[in-house]
Amino acid sequence: MTNTSPKTNQQFSSSNDQKTVDSDKLIEVIGEALLDRKAEDITVLDVHELTTLADKFVICHANTDVQIKAIADNVNKETKEQLNEKAWKEEGRETRRWVILDYVNVVVHIFKKELREYYALEQMWNDAPVQKIEDDQ
């Protein structure tokens, strides 16, 4: 039997042949979790046409390592509670200077402000369409 379901623009599926959660829905939940813990300058880069690493990068920063931990914890909590999604891989939790939460299609980068400026991911991926997430209040 031929699969006639419409194609999505997600690059990856899980090992049990089910699609991971929709990238846009995941970004919506992640964005709210970031805003809830006062992450700053939240930027979404749509990199799906530029790399096979992910569909989208979410980049933000905070001023203290305590806030970086709180932001990462809240993203993990909200994605688990709302979407039953867990980060496939996490890096940087020990140093809390640049925490990466890899949800396969979406990779979240939570920087200490100085490191974000130093690594300048937005400049490295400057061909990617950019979306800003801001608090509506």
N, C-alpha and C. Protein backbone atom coordinates (compact mmCIF):
# COMPACT_ATOMS: atom_id res chain seq x y z
N MET A 1 0.84 -1.18 0.00
CA MET A 1 0.00 0.00 0.00
C MET A 1 0.88 1.24 0.00
N THR A 2 0.55 2.21 -0.81
CA THR A 2 1.31 3.44 -0.92
C THR A 2 0.87 4.43 0.14
N ASN A 3 1.84 5.10 0.76
CA ASN A 3 1.54 6.12 1.74
C ASN A 3 1.14 7.39 1.01
N THR A 4 -0.09 7.84 1.19
CA THR A 4 -0.56 9.03 0.50
C THR A 4 -0.72 10.21 1.44
N SER A 5 -0.20 10.10 2.66
CA SER A 5 -0.31 11.22 3.58
C SER A 5 0.56 12.38 3.10
N PRO A 6 0.11 13.61 3.36
CA PRO A 6 0.89 14.76 2.89
C PRO A 6 2.24 14.83 3.58
N LYS A 7 3.23 15.31 2.83
CA LYS A 7 4.57 15.45 3.39
C LYS A 7 4.61 16.63 4.34
N THR A 8 5.37 16.46 5.42
CA THR A 8 5.64 17.60 6.29
C THR A 8 7.03 18.10 5.97
N ASN A 9 7.36 19.28 6.46
CA ASN A 9 8.69 19.79 6.17
C ASN A 9 9.67 19.46 7.28
N GLN A 10 9.36 18.49 8.12
CA GLN A 10 10.29 18.03 9.13
C GLN A 10 11.25 17.03 8.51
N GLN A 11 12.50 17.11 8.93
CA GLN A 11 13.51 16.25 8.36
C GLN A 11 13.60 14.90 9.05
N PHE A 12 13.22 14.83 10.32
CA PHE A 12 13.52 13.66 11.11
C PHE A 12 12.26 12.98 11.63
N SER A 13 12.38 11.69 11.88
CA SER A 13 11.33 10.94 12.56
C SER A 13 11.99 10.13 13.66
N SER A 14 11.18 9.63 14.57
CA SER A 14 11.74 8.85 15.67
C SER A 14 12.09 7.45 15.19
N SER A 15 12.79 6.71 16.03
CA SER A 15 13.26 5.38 15.64
C SER A 15 12.12 4.39 15.45
N ASN A 16 10.95 4.66 16.03
CA ASN A 16 9.83 3.74 15.85
C ASN A 16 8.94 4.16 14.68
N ASP A 17 9.50 4.99 13.78
CA ASP A 17 8.85 5.40 12.53
C ASP A 17 7.66 6.34 12.74
N GLN A 18 7.53 6.94 13.91
CA GLN A 18 6.51 7.95 14.13
C GLN A 18 7.19 9.31 14.06
N LYS A 19 6.48 10.27 13.53
CA LYS A 19 7.03 11.62 13.46
C LYS A 19 7.18 12.19 14.86
N THR A 20 8.22 12.97 15.04
CA THR A 20 8.34 13.72 16.29
C THR A 20 7.28 14.81 16.26
N VAL A 21 7.07 15.44 17.40
CA VAL A 21 6.06 16.48 17.49
C VAL A 21 6.36 17.58 16.46
N ASP A 22 5.31 18.21 15.96
CA ASP A 22 5.42 19.28 14.99
C ASP A 22 6.36 20.38 15.50
N SER A 23 7.30 20.80 14.70
CA SER A 23 8.28 21.81 15.10
C SER A 23 7.64 23.11 15.55
N ASP A 24 6.60 23.54 14.84
CA ASP A 24 5.95 24.80 15.20
C ASP A 24 5.25 24.71 16.56
N LYS A 25 4.61 23.59 16.84
CA LYS A 25 3.97 23.40 18.15
C LYS A 25 5.02 23.35 19.25
N LEU A 26 6.12 22.65 18.98
CA LEU A 26 7.20 22.57 19.95
C LEU A 26 7.78 23.96 20.22
N ILE A 27 7.98 24.76 19.19
CA ILE A 27 8.51 26.10 19.36
C ILE A 27 7.54 26.98 20.15
N GLU A 28 6.26 26.79 19.93
CA GLU A 28 5.26 27.56 20.69
C GLU A 28 5.39 27.28 22.19
N VAL A 29 5.48 26.01 22.55
CA VAL A 29 5.61 25.63 23.96
C VAL A 29 6.96 26.09 24.52
N ILE A 30 8.02 25.90 23.76
CA ILE A 30 9.36 26.33 24.20
C ILE A 30 9.38 27.85 24.38
N GLY A 31 8.81 28.58 23.45
CA GLY A 31 8.78 30.04 23.54
C GLY A 31 8.08 30.52 24.80
N GLU A 32 6.94 29.93 25.12
CA GLU A 32 6.22 30.30 26.34
C GLU A 32 7.04 29.97 27.58
N ALA A 33 7.72 28.81 27.56
CA ALA A 33 8.55 28.42 28.71
C ALA A 33 9.73 29.38 28.87
N LEU A 34 10.30 29.82 27.77
CA LEU A 34 11.41 30.78 27.83
C LEU A 34 10.93 32.13 28.37
N LEU A 35 9.81 32.60 27.86
CA LEU A 35 9.26 33.87 28.32
C LEU A 35 8.90 33.82 29.81
N ASP A 36 8.37 32.68 30.23
CA ASP A 36 7.96 32.50 31.62
C ASP A 36 9.13 32.68 32.59
N ARG A 37 10.33 32.35 32.16
CA ARG A 37 11.52 32.48 33.02
C ARG A 37 12.40 33.66 32.60
N LYS A 38 11.80 34.58 31.84
CA LYS A 38 12.44 35.85 31.48
C LYS A 38 13.70 35.71 30.63
N ALA A 39 13.71 34.74 29.73
CA ALA A 39 14.80 34.65 28.76
C ALA A 39 14.77 35.90 27.88
N GLU A 40 15.93 36.33 27.45
CA GLU A 40 16.02 37.57 26.68
C GLU A 40 16.35 37.33 25.22
N ASP A 41 15.84 38.22 24.37
CA ASP A 41 16.11 38.23 22.93
C ASP A 41 15.95 36.84 22.32
N ILE A 42 14.72 36.32 22.41
CA ILE A 42 14.43 34.97 21.90
C ILE A 42 14.29 35.04 20.39
N THR A 43 15.14 34.27 19.72
CA THR A 43 15.21 34.27 18.25
C THR A 43 15.07 32.84 17.74
N VAL A 44 14.25 32.67 16.71
CA VAL A 44 14.10 31.37 16.06
C VAL A 44 14.68 31.47 14.65
N LEU A 45 15.62 30.59 14.36
CA LEU A 45 16.22 30.52 13.03
C LEU A 45 15.69 29.27 12.32
N ASP A 46 15.11 29.45 11.15
CA ASP A 46 14.61 28.33 10.36
C ASP A 46 15.76 27.85 9.46
N VAL A 47 16.45 26.80 9.92
CA VAL A 47 17.66 26.33 9.23
C VAL A 47 17.43 25.06 8.40
N HIS A 48 16.18 24.64 8.24
CA HIS A 48 15.94 23.35 7.60
C HIS A 48 16.45 23.27 6.16
N GLU A 49 16.57 24.40 5.48
CA GLU A 49 17.11 24.37 4.11
C GLU A 49 18.63 24.53 4.07
N LEU A 50 19.24 24.81 5.23
CA LEU A 50 20.67 25.08 5.28
C LEU A 50 21.49 23.96 5.89
N THR A 51 20.85 23.09 6.67
CA THR A 51 21.58 22.04 7.37
C THR A 51 20.65 20.86 7.67
N THR A 52 21.27 19.73 7.93
CA THR A 52 20.49 18.57 8.36
C THR A 52 20.56 18.42 9.87
N LEU A 53 21.17 19.36 10.57
CA LEU A 53 21.28 19.28 12.03
C LEU A 53 19.92 19.38 12.71
N ALA A 54 19.04 20.22 12.19
CA ALA A 54 17.73 20.46 12.79
C ALA A 54 16.90 21.25 11.80
N ASP A 55 15.62 21.38 12.13
CA ASP A 55 14.76 22.26 11.34
C ASP A 55 14.89 23.71 11.81
N LYS A 56 14.94 23.86 13.16
CA LYS A 56 14.97 25.21 13.71
C LYS A 56 15.89 25.27 14.93
N PHE A 57 16.51 26.42 15.09
CA PHE A 57 17.28 26.73 16.29
C PHE A 57 16.53 27.82 17.05
N VAL A 58 16.40 27.63 18.34
CA VAL A 58 15.85 28.67 19.21
C VAL A 58 17.01 29.17 20.06
N ILE A 59 17.27 30.47 20.00
CA ILE A 59 18.42 31.05 20.69
C ILE A 59 17.93 32.13 21.64
N CYS A 60 18.46 32.11 22.86
CA CYS A 60 18.13 33.15 23.83
C CYS A 60 19.30 33.30 24.78
N HIS A 61 19.20 34.28 25.69
CA HIS A 61 20.25 34.42 26.69
C HIS A 61 19.66 34.87 28.02
N ALA A 62 20.51 34.77 29.04
CA ALA A 62 20.19 35.22 30.39
C ALA A 62 21.45 35.81 30.99
N ASN A 63 21.29 36.49 32.10
CA ASN A 63 22.44 37.18 32.70
C ASN A 63 23.17 36.38 33.77
N THR A 64 22.51 35.36 34.34
CA THR A 64 23.15 34.59 35.41
C THR A 64 23.03 33.10 35.14
N ASP A 65 23.95 32.34 35.73
CA ASP A 65 23.88 30.89 35.56
C ASP A 65 22.66 30.29 36.26
N VAL A 66 22.20 30.92 37.33
CA VAL A 66 20.99 30.45 38.02
C VAL A 66 19.77 30.59 37.10
N GLN A 67 19.69 31.71 36.40
CA GLN A 67 18.59 31.92 35.47
C GLN A 67 18.67 30.95 34.29
N ILE A 68 19.87 30.67 33.81
CA ILE A 68 20.04 29.72 32.71
C ILE A 68 19.50 28.35 33.11
N LYS A 69 19.82 27.91 34.33
CA LYS A 69 19.31 26.63 34.83
C LYS A 69 17.79 26.66 34.93
N ALA A 70 17.24 27.75 35.45
CA ALA A 70 15.79 27.87 35.60
C ALA A 70 15.09 27.83 34.23
N ILE A 71 15.68 28.48 33.25
CA ILE A 71 15.11 28.48 31.90
C ILE A 71 15.13 27.06 31.33
N ALA A 72 16.27 26.39 31.40
CA ALA A 72 16.39 25.03 30.87
C ALA A 72 15.43 24.08 31.58
N ASP A 73 15.34 24.19 32.89
CA ASP A 73 14.43 23.33 33.65
C ASP A 73 12.98 23.56 33.24
N ASN A 74 12.61 24.83 33.02
CA ASN A 74 11.24 25.13 32.64
C ASN A 74 10.91 24.64 31.23
N VAL A 75 11.87 24.75 30.32
CA VAL A 75 11.64 24.22 28.96
C VAL A 75 11.41 22.71 29.04
N ASN A 76 12.26 22.01 29.79
CA ASN A 76 12.09 20.56 29.96
C ASN A 76 10.73 20.22 30.56
N LYS A 77 10.36 20.94 31.60
CA LYS A 77 9.09 20.68 32.30
C LYS A 77 7.89 20.90 31.37
N GLU A 78 7.87 22.03 30.70
CA GLU A 78 6.70 22.36 29.87
C GLU A 78 6.58 21.47 28.64
N THR A 79 7.69 21.13 28.00
CA THR A 79 7.60 20.25 26.83
C THR A 79 7.14 18.85 27.24
N LYS A 80 7.56 18.41 28.41
CA LYS A 80 7.14 17.09 28.91
C LYS A 80 5.66 17.11 29.27
N GLU A 81 5.23 18.14 30.03
CA GLU A 81 3.84 18.21 30.47
C GLU A 81 2.86 18.44 29.32
N GLN A 82 3.20 19.35 28.42
CA GLN A 82 2.25 19.73 27.37
C GLN A 82 2.29 18.84 26.14
N LEU A 83 3.47 18.31 25.81
CA LEU A 83 3.62 17.57 24.56
C LEU A 83 4.14 16.15 24.74
N ASN A 84 4.45 15.80 25.98
CA ASN A 84 5.07 14.51 26.28
C ASN A 84 6.36 14.32 25.48
N GLU A 85 7.10 15.40 25.32
CA GLU A 85 8.38 15.38 24.62
C GLU A 85 9.51 15.60 25.62
N LYS A 86 10.57 14.88 25.42
CA LYS A 86 11.75 14.99 26.26
C LYS A 86 12.94 15.29 25.36
N ALA A 87 13.85 16.13 25.83
CA ALA A 87 15.05 16.43 25.03
C ALA A 87 15.81 15.14 24.78
N TRP A 88 16.20 14.94 23.54
CA TRP A 88 16.95 13.75 23.15
C TRP A 88 18.35 13.81 23.75
N LYS A 89 18.91 15.00 23.81
CA LYS A 89 20.27 15.19 24.33
C LYS A 89 20.35 16.57 24.96
N GLU A 90 21.13 16.67 26.02
CA GLU A 90 21.38 17.95 26.69
C GLU A 90 22.88 18.12 26.89
N GLU A 91 23.34 19.34 26.75
CA GLU A 91 24.75 19.67 26.96
C GLU A 91 24.84 20.97 27.74
N GLY A 92 25.88 21.11 28.55
CA GLY A 92 26.20 22.37 29.19
C GLY A 92 25.54 22.65 30.52
N ARG A 93 24.79 21.70 31.04
CA ARG A 93 24.09 21.94 32.31
C ARG A 93 25.05 22.17 33.48
N GLU A 94 26.21 21.53 33.45
CA GLU A 94 27.15 21.65 34.56
C GLU A 94 27.73 23.07 34.65
N THR A 95 28.13 23.62 33.53
CA THR A 95 28.76 24.94 33.54
C THR A 95 27.76 26.09 33.47
N ARG A 96 26.58 25.81 32.91
CA ARG A 96 25.50 26.80 32.80
C ARG A 96 25.93 28.09 32.10
N ARG A 97 26.75 27.94 31.09
CA ARG A 97 27.17 29.10 30.30
C ARG A 97 26.53 29.04 28.92
N TRP A 98 26.34 27.83 28.41
CA TRP A 98 25.67 27.61 27.13
C TRP A 98 25.02 26.25 27.24
N VAL A 99 23.72 26.23 27.49
CA VAL A 99 22.98 24.99 27.62
C VAL A 99 22.30 24.72 26.28
N ILE A 100 22.44 23.48 25.81
CA ILE A 100 21.80 23.06 24.56
C ILE A 100 20.80 21.96 24.90
N LEU A 101 19.56 22.15 24.46
CA LEU A 101 18.51 21.15 24.60
C LEU A 101 18.13 20.72 23.18
N ASP A 102 18.43 19.47 22.85
CA ASP A 102 18.22 18.96 21.49
C ASP A 102 16.94 18.14 21.45
N TYR A 103 15.93 18.69 20.78
CA TYR A 103 14.66 17.99 20.59
C TYR A 103 14.57 17.40 19.18
N VAL A 104 15.68 17.11 18.57
CA VAL A 104 15.85 16.55 17.23
C VAL A 104 15.51 17.59 16.16
N ASN A 105 14.24 17.94 15.98
CA ASN A 105 13.87 18.93 14.96
C ASN A 105 14.14 20.36 15.41
N VAL A 106 14.14 20.57 16.72
CA VAL A 106 14.35 21.89 17.28
C VAL A 106 15.48 21.81 18.30
N VAL A 107 16.46 22.68 18.17
CA VAL A 107 17.57 22.73 19.12
C VAL A 107 17.52 24.09 19.82
N VAL A 108 17.46 24.04 21.16
CA VAL A 108 17.38 25.25 21.97
C VAL A 108 18.76 25.58 22.51
N HIS A 109 19.20 26.82 22.30
CA HIS A 109 20.49 27.31 22.80
C HIS A 109 20.20 28.39 23.84
N ILE A 110 20.59 28.13 25.08
CA ILE A 110 20.41 29.10 26.16
C ILE A 110 21.80 29.57 26.58
N PHE A 111 22.12 30.80 26.25
CA PHE A 111 23.46 31.34 26.47
C PHE A 111 23.51 32.27 27.68
N LYS A 112 24.70 32.38 28.25
CA LYS A 112 25.02 33.53 29.08
C LYS A 112 25.27 34.65 28.07
N LYS A 113 24.85 35.85 28.39
CA LYS A 113 24.85 36.94 27.42
C LYS A 113 26.20 37.12 26.70
N GLU A 114 27.29 37.11 27.45
CA GLU A 114 28.61 37.33 26.84
C GLU A 114 28.96 36.24 25.83
N LEU A 115 28.59 35.00 26.13
CA LEU A 115 28.89 33.90 25.21
C LEU A 115 28.05 33.98 23.95
N ARG A 116 26.83 34.43 24.08
CA ARG A 116 25.98 34.58 22.89
C ARG A 116 26.61 35.59 21.94
N GLU A 117 27.10 36.68 22.49
CA GLU A 117 27.75 37.69 21.66
C GLU A 117 29.03 37.14 21.03
N TYR A 118 29.77 36.36 21.79
CA TYR A 118 31.04 35.81 21.30
C TYR A 118 30.82 34.80 20.17
N TYR A 119 29.88 33.85 20.36
CA TYR A 119 29.68 32.80 19.35
C TYR A 119 28.81 33.25 18.18
N ALA A 120 27.96 34.22 18.39
CA ALA A 120 27.18 34.86 17.32
C ALA A 120 26.54 33.87 16.35
N LEU A 121 25.75 32.95 16.87
CA LEU A 121 25.09 31.95 16.01
C LEU A 121 24.20 32.59 14.95
N GLU A 122 23.55 33.69 15.30
CA GLU A 122 22.69 34.35 14.32
C GLU A 122 23.49 34.83 13.11
N GLN A 123 24.71 35.25 13.33
CA GLN A 123 25.56 35.68 12.21
C GLN A 123 26.05 34.49 11.41
N MET A 124 26.35 33.40 12.10
CA MET A 124 26.82 32.19 11.42
C MET A 124 25.73 31.63 10.49
N TRP A 125 24.47 31.73 10.91
CA TRP A 125 23.34 31.21 10.15
C TRP A 125 22.53 32.38 9.57
N ASN A 126 23.21 33.41 9.08
CA ASN A 126 22.52 34.63 8.65
C ASN A 126 21.65 34.46 7.40
N ASP A 127 21.75 33.33 6.72
CA ASP A 127 20.87 33.06 5.57
C ASP A 127 19.52 32.50 6.00
N ALA A 128 19.38 32.15 7.26
CA ALA A 128 18.14 31.54 7.74
C ALA A 128 17.08 32.60 8.02
N PRO A 129 15.83 32.30 7.66
CA PRO A 129 14.74 33.20 8.05
C PRO A 129 14.68 33.31 9.58
N VAL A 130 14.40 34.51 10.07
CA VAL A 130 14.43 34.80 11.50
C VAL A 130 13.04 35.17 11.99
N GLN A 131 12.70 34.66 13.17
CA GLN A 131 11.46 35.01 13.84
C GLN A 131 11.82 35.37 15.28
N LYS A 132 11.23 36.44 15.80
CA LYS A 132 11.45 36.85 17.18
C LYS A 132 10.24 36.42 18.01
N ILE A 133 10.50 35.96 19.23
CA ILE A 133 9.42 35.64 20.16
C ILE A 133 9.46 36.68 21.27
N GLU A 134 8.35 37.39 21.42
CA GLU A 134 8.29 38.46 22.40
C GLU A 134 7.04 38.29 23.26
N ASP A 135 7.13 38.81 24.46
CA ASP A 135 6.01 38.77 25.39
C ASP A 135 4.94 39.72 24.90
N ASP A 136 3.69 39.27 24.83
CA ASP A 136 2.59 40.09 24.34
C ASP A 136 2.08 41.09 25.37
N GLN A 137 2.56 41.01 26.58
CA GLN A 137 2.04 41.90 27.63
C GLN A 137 2.48 43.31 27.46
